[in-house]
Amino acid sequence: MAKRVVPFFPLKLVAFPGEQVNLHIFEPRYKQLINECLESNQTFVIPLFNEMIRDFGSEMKVEKLVKRYPTGEMDVITRCTNAVQIFSFQEKLESKLYAGGEVEPIENIHDQNPEQWQELRTLAKRLIEVLKMESTFDVDLVENSFELAHKLGLSLEQEYDMLQMVRESQRQSYMINHLKRALPLVSEMERAKEKIKMNGHFQHHDPLNF
């Protein structure tokens, strides 16, 4: 795939392919960027900004202008089309207010393994049960690791790691390892919270039988 120069909208977030991101646009440079996207149907890239611009980001398409304010501010719905690798950064593109740079799309290989996927969903369900979130999140409705990632509390750095992975099988292995490490810690925290709730309450103890 050919490299090309695109506008940048640096943010402290990772958007995965297929994910919807709602944005409120208020800075002049990004008003210009989004207006141009609306006029020409062009895309822009959200590079992860975490103390500095990182080497990978999310290519976004503006799907809908929800509201335009008298000030020129906007509410827009955007969606990630694919992940990209970033090769250069310009603080301002020529004759523009916003930044940009050269990017290249990352391949996304759908090589899901049924056994691995089942293991990941089983671990995810166990975490949801421990957190008592069954009523708010149905794991059976999720189709891939990207959909699970934000729901299961990965850190920004872990999400960034996943964004760079080209294979679904890689991402599933990564999340399985994460959940295997996280589950014992989360379970212990939940038990501690239950003990704290009991403090100050009358508790029933069975007498010892000698």
Protein backbone atom coordinates (compact mmCIF):
# COMPACT_ATOMS: atom_id res chain seq x y z
CA MET A 1 0.00 0.00 0.00
CA ALA A 2 1.30 3.45 -0.91
CA LYS A 3 2.27 6.04 1.65
CA ARG A 4 0.34 9.30 1.57
CA VAL A 5 0.11 12.58 3.49
CA VAL A 6 -3.02 13.04 5.62
CA PRO A 7 -4.25 15.53 8.27
CA PHE A 8 -3.55 14.70 11.92
CA PHE A 9 -5.83 15.17 14.94
CA PRO A 10 -3.61 14.04 17.85
CA LEU A 11 -5.51 12.76 20.89
CA LYS A 12 -4.82 10.71 23.98
CA LEU A 13 -6.88 7.77 22.74
CA VAL A 14 -6.69 4.67 20.58
CA ALA A 15 -9.52 3.95 18.15
CA PHE A 16 -9.75 0.42 16.75
CA PRO A 17 -10.92 -0.44 13.21
CA GLY A 18 -14.72 -0.28 13.07
CA GLU A 19 -15.00 1.77 16.28
CA GLN A 20 -17.18 4.87 16.45
CA VAL A 21 -15.71 7.98 18.08
CA ASN A 22 -17.86 11.04 18.83
CA LEU A 23 -15.94 14.32 18.79
CA HIS A 24 -16.74 17.88 19.84
CA ILE A 25 -14.72 20.20 17.60
CA PHE A 26 -13.86 23.64 18.99
CA GLU A 27 -10.28 24.60 18.07
CA PRO A 28 -9.90 26.66 14.86
CA ARG A 29 -7.41 24.21 13.31
CA TYR A 30 -9.73 21.26 13.80
CA LYS A 31 -12.77 23.22 12.63
CA GLN A 32 -10.82 23.71 9.40
CA LEU A 33 -9.85 20.03 9.26
CA ILE A 34 -13.37 18.67 9.84
CA ASN A 35 -14.97 21.15 7.45
CA GLU A 36 -12.57 19.99 4.74
CA CYS A 37 -13.37 16.35 5.54
CA LEU A 38 -17.10 17.10 5.23
CA GLU A 39 -16.61 18.91 1.92
CA SER A 40 -14.25 16.44 0.23
CA ASN A 41 -14.98 13.15 2.04
CA GLN A 42 -11.28 12.88 2.95
CA THR A 43 -10.05 11.02 6.03
CA PHE A 44 -7.79 12.11 8.87
CA VAL A 45 -5.59 10.26 11.34
CA ILE A 46 -5.71 10.27 15.14
CA PRO A 47 -2.11 9.65 16.20
CA LEU A 48 -1.86 8.60 19.82
CA PHE A 49 -0.42 11.55 21.75
CA ASN A 50 0.96 10.41 25.08
CA GLU A 51 3.67 12.95 25.99
CA MET A 52 4.72 12.74 22.32
CA ILE A 53 3.31 11.71 18.95
CA ARG A 54 3.54 7.93 18.68
CA ASP A 55 4.38 5.87 15.59
CA PHE A 56 0.93 4.36 15.02
CA GLY A 57 -2.56 5.80 14.82
CA SER A 58 -6.14 5.38 13.65
CA GLU A 59 -7.46 6.55 10.29
CA MET A 60 -10.90 8.13 10.72
CA LYS A 61 -13.80 8.98 8.43
CA VAL A 62 -16.40 11.60 9.36
CA GLU A 63 -19.74 9.77 9.16
CA LYS A 64 -22.11 12.49 10.30
CA LEU A 65 -22.29 16.13 11.32
CA VAL A 66 -24.62 16.00 14.32
CA LYS A 67 -24.67 19.69 15.23
CA ARG A 68 -23.06 22.93 14.12
CA TYR A 69 -22.98 25.74 16.69
CA PRO A 70 -23.15 29.51 15.96
CA THR A 71 -19.49 29.71 17.03
CA GLY A 72 -18.50 27.23 14.33
CA GLU A 73 -18.00 24.44 16.86
CA MET A 74 -19.29 21.03 15.78
CA ASP A 75 -20.39 17.67 17.12
CA VAL A 76 -19.42 14.91 14.68
CA ILE A 77 -19.56 11.12 14.53
CA THR A 78 -16.41 9.52 13.16
CA ARG A 79 -15.44 5.90 12.58
CA CYS A 80 -12.04 4.21 12.38
CA THR A 81 -11.44 2.62 8.97
CA ASN A 82 -8.03 1.08 9.71
CA ALA A 83 -4.81 1.41 11.69
CA VAL A 84 -1.84 3.21 10.16
CA GLN A 85 1.90 3.50 10.69
CA ILE A 86 3.17 7.09 10.87
CA PHE A 87 6.40 7.95 9.07
CA SER A 88 6.58 11.74 9.45
CA PHE A 89 5.04 14.61 11.37
CA GLN A 90 4.61 18.23 10.27
CA GLU A 91 3.34 20.69 12.84
CA LYS A 92 1.42 22.45 10.07
CA LEU A 93 0.68 21.18 6.59
CA GLU A 94 1.25 23.72 3.84
CA SER A 95 -1.36 26.52 3.98
CA LYS A 96 -3.25 24.68 6.76
CA LEU A 97 -3.76 25.34 10.47
CA TYR A 98 -3.52 21.66 11.38
CA ALA A 99 -0.72 19.11 11.54
CA GLY A 100 -0.25 16.17 9.22
CA GLY A 101 2.20 13.61 8.00
CA GLU A 102 2.96 10.59 5.87
CA VAL A 103 1.19 7.35 6.77
CA GLU A 104 0.67 3.83 5.46
CA PRO A 105 -2.25 1.51 6.35
CA ILE A 106 -1.56 -1.60 8.43
CA GLU A 107 -2.89 -4.89 7.16
CA ASN A 108 -5.61 -6.53 9.26
CA ILE A 109 -5.54 -10.32 8.85
CA HIS A 110 -8.68 -12.10 10.07
CA ASP A 111 -7.16 -15.43 11.10
CA GLN A 112 -9.36 -16.10 14.12
CA ASN A 113 -8.88 -19.53 15.70
CA PRO A 114 -12.19 -20.97 17.04
CA GLU A 115 -10.58 -22.64 20.08
CA GLN A 116 -8.59 -19.55 20.97
CA TRP A 117 -11.65 -17.33 20.54
CA GLN A 118 -13.66 -19.60 22.82
CA GLU A 119 -10.95 -19.43 25.49
CA LEU A 120 -10.88 -15.63 25.26
CA ARG A 121 -14.67 -15.34 25.57
CA THR A 122 -14.70 -17.72 28.55
CA LEU A 123 -12.10 -15.61 30.36
CA ALA A 124 -13.96 -12.41 29.46
CA LYS A 125 -17.23 -13.84 30.84
CA ARG A 126 -15.47 -14.80 34.06
CA LEU A 127 -14.18 -11.24 34.48
CA ILE A 128 -17.64 -9.79 33.77
CA GLU A 129 -19.12 -12.10 36.44
CA VAL A 130 -16.48 -11.08 39.01
CA LEU A 131 -17.25 -7.42 38.32
CA LYS A 132 -21.02 -8.09 38.37
CA MET A 133 -21.45 -6.42 34.97
CA GLU A 134 -23.53 -9.13 33.25
CA SER A 135 -26.47 -6.77 32.84
CA THR A 136 -24.42 -4.14 31.00
CA PHE A 137 -22.19 -6.22 28.70
CA ASP A 138 -23.01 -9.43 26.79
CA VAL A 139 -19.76 -11.11 25.69
CA ASP A 140 -21.66 -13.41 23.30
CA LEU A 141 -22.53 -10.41 21.11
CA VAL A 142 -18.87 -9.50 20.57
CA GLU A 143 -17.28 -10.64 17.30
CA ASN A 144 -13.57 -9.86 17.67
CA SER A 145 -10.78 -8.81 20.03
CA PHE A 146 -11.05 -5.13 19.12
CA GLU A 147 -14.65 -5.03 20.39
CA LEU A 148 -13.59 -6.66 23.66
CA ALA A 149 -10.53 -4.53 24.30
CA HIS A 150 -12.11 -1.24 25.41
CA LYS A 151 -14.81 -3.03 27.41
CA LEU A 152 -12.36 -5.04 29.51
CA GLY A 153 -10.27 -2.22 30.90
CA LEU A 154 -7.02 -2.40 28.97
CA SER A 155 -4.63 0.47 29.61
CA LEU A 156 -3.88 3.02 26.90
CA GLU A 157 -0.48 1.37 26.33
CA GLN A 158 -2.06 -2.08 25.98
CA GLU A 159 -4.59 -0.72 23.48
CA TYR A 160 -1.70 0.87 21.58
CA ASP A 161 0.09 -2.49 21.51
CA MET A 162 -3.01 -4.14 20.04
CA LEU A 163 -3.43 -1.42 17.40
CA GLN A 164 -0.07 -2.41 15.92
CA MET A 165 -0.86 -6.13 15.64
CA VAL A 166 -1.74 -7.23 12.10
CA ARG A 167 -3.31 -10.59 12.98
CA GLU A 168 -6.50 -11.29 14.94
CA SER A 169 -4.78 -14.38 16.39
CA GLN A 170 -2.03 -12.15 17.84
CA ARG A 171 -4.56 -9.86 19.45
CA GLN A 172 -6.51 -12.78 20.92
CA SER A 173 -3.34 -14.30 22.43
CA TYR A 174 -2.42 -10.90 23.88
CA MET A 175 -5.84 -10.52 25.53
CA ILE A 176 -5.87 -14.10 26.83
CA ASN A 177 -2.53 -13.48 28.56
CA HIS A 178 -3.81 -10.16 29.93
CA LEU A 179 -6.98 -11.73 31.35
CA LYS A 180 -5.10 -14.64 32.89
CA ARG A 181 -2.93 -12.13 34.77
CA ALA A 182 -5.78 -9.74 35.60
CA LEU A 183 -8.44 -12.17 36.83
CA PRO A 184 -6.73 -13.21 40.11
CA LEU A 185 -5.99 -9.54 40.92
CA VAL A 186 -9.53 -8.37 40.16
CA SER A 187 -11.03 -11.27 42.13
CA GLU A 188 -8.90 -10.40 45.15
CA MET A 189 -9.90 -6.73 44.91
CA GLU A 190 -13.58 -7.65 44.77
CA ARG A 191 -13.21 -9.87 47.85
CA ALA A 192 -11.48 -7.01 49.67
CA LYS A 193 -14.32 -4.66 48.75
CA GLU A 194 -16.86 -7.12 50.17
CA LYS A 195 -14.90 -7.31 53.44
CA ILE A 196 -14.80 -3.51 53.66
CA LYS A 197 -18.58 -3.38 53.15
CA MET A 198 -19.02 -5.75 56.10
CA ASN A 199 -17.05 -3.55 58.51
CA GLY A 200 -19.36 -2.13 61.17
CA HIS A 201 -22.15 -4.62 60.40
CA PHE A 202 -23.31 -7.44 62.67
CA GLN A 203 -21.92 -10.68 61.30
CA HIS A 204 -23.16 -14.20 61.95
CA HIS A 205 -20.51 -16.70 63.04
CA ASP A 206 -21.22 -20.35 63.63
CA PRO A 207 -19.98 -21.57 67.05
CA LEU A 208 -17.06 -23.98 66.91
CA ASN A 209 -18.00 -27.58 67.52
CA PHE A 210 -15.58 -29.39 69.86
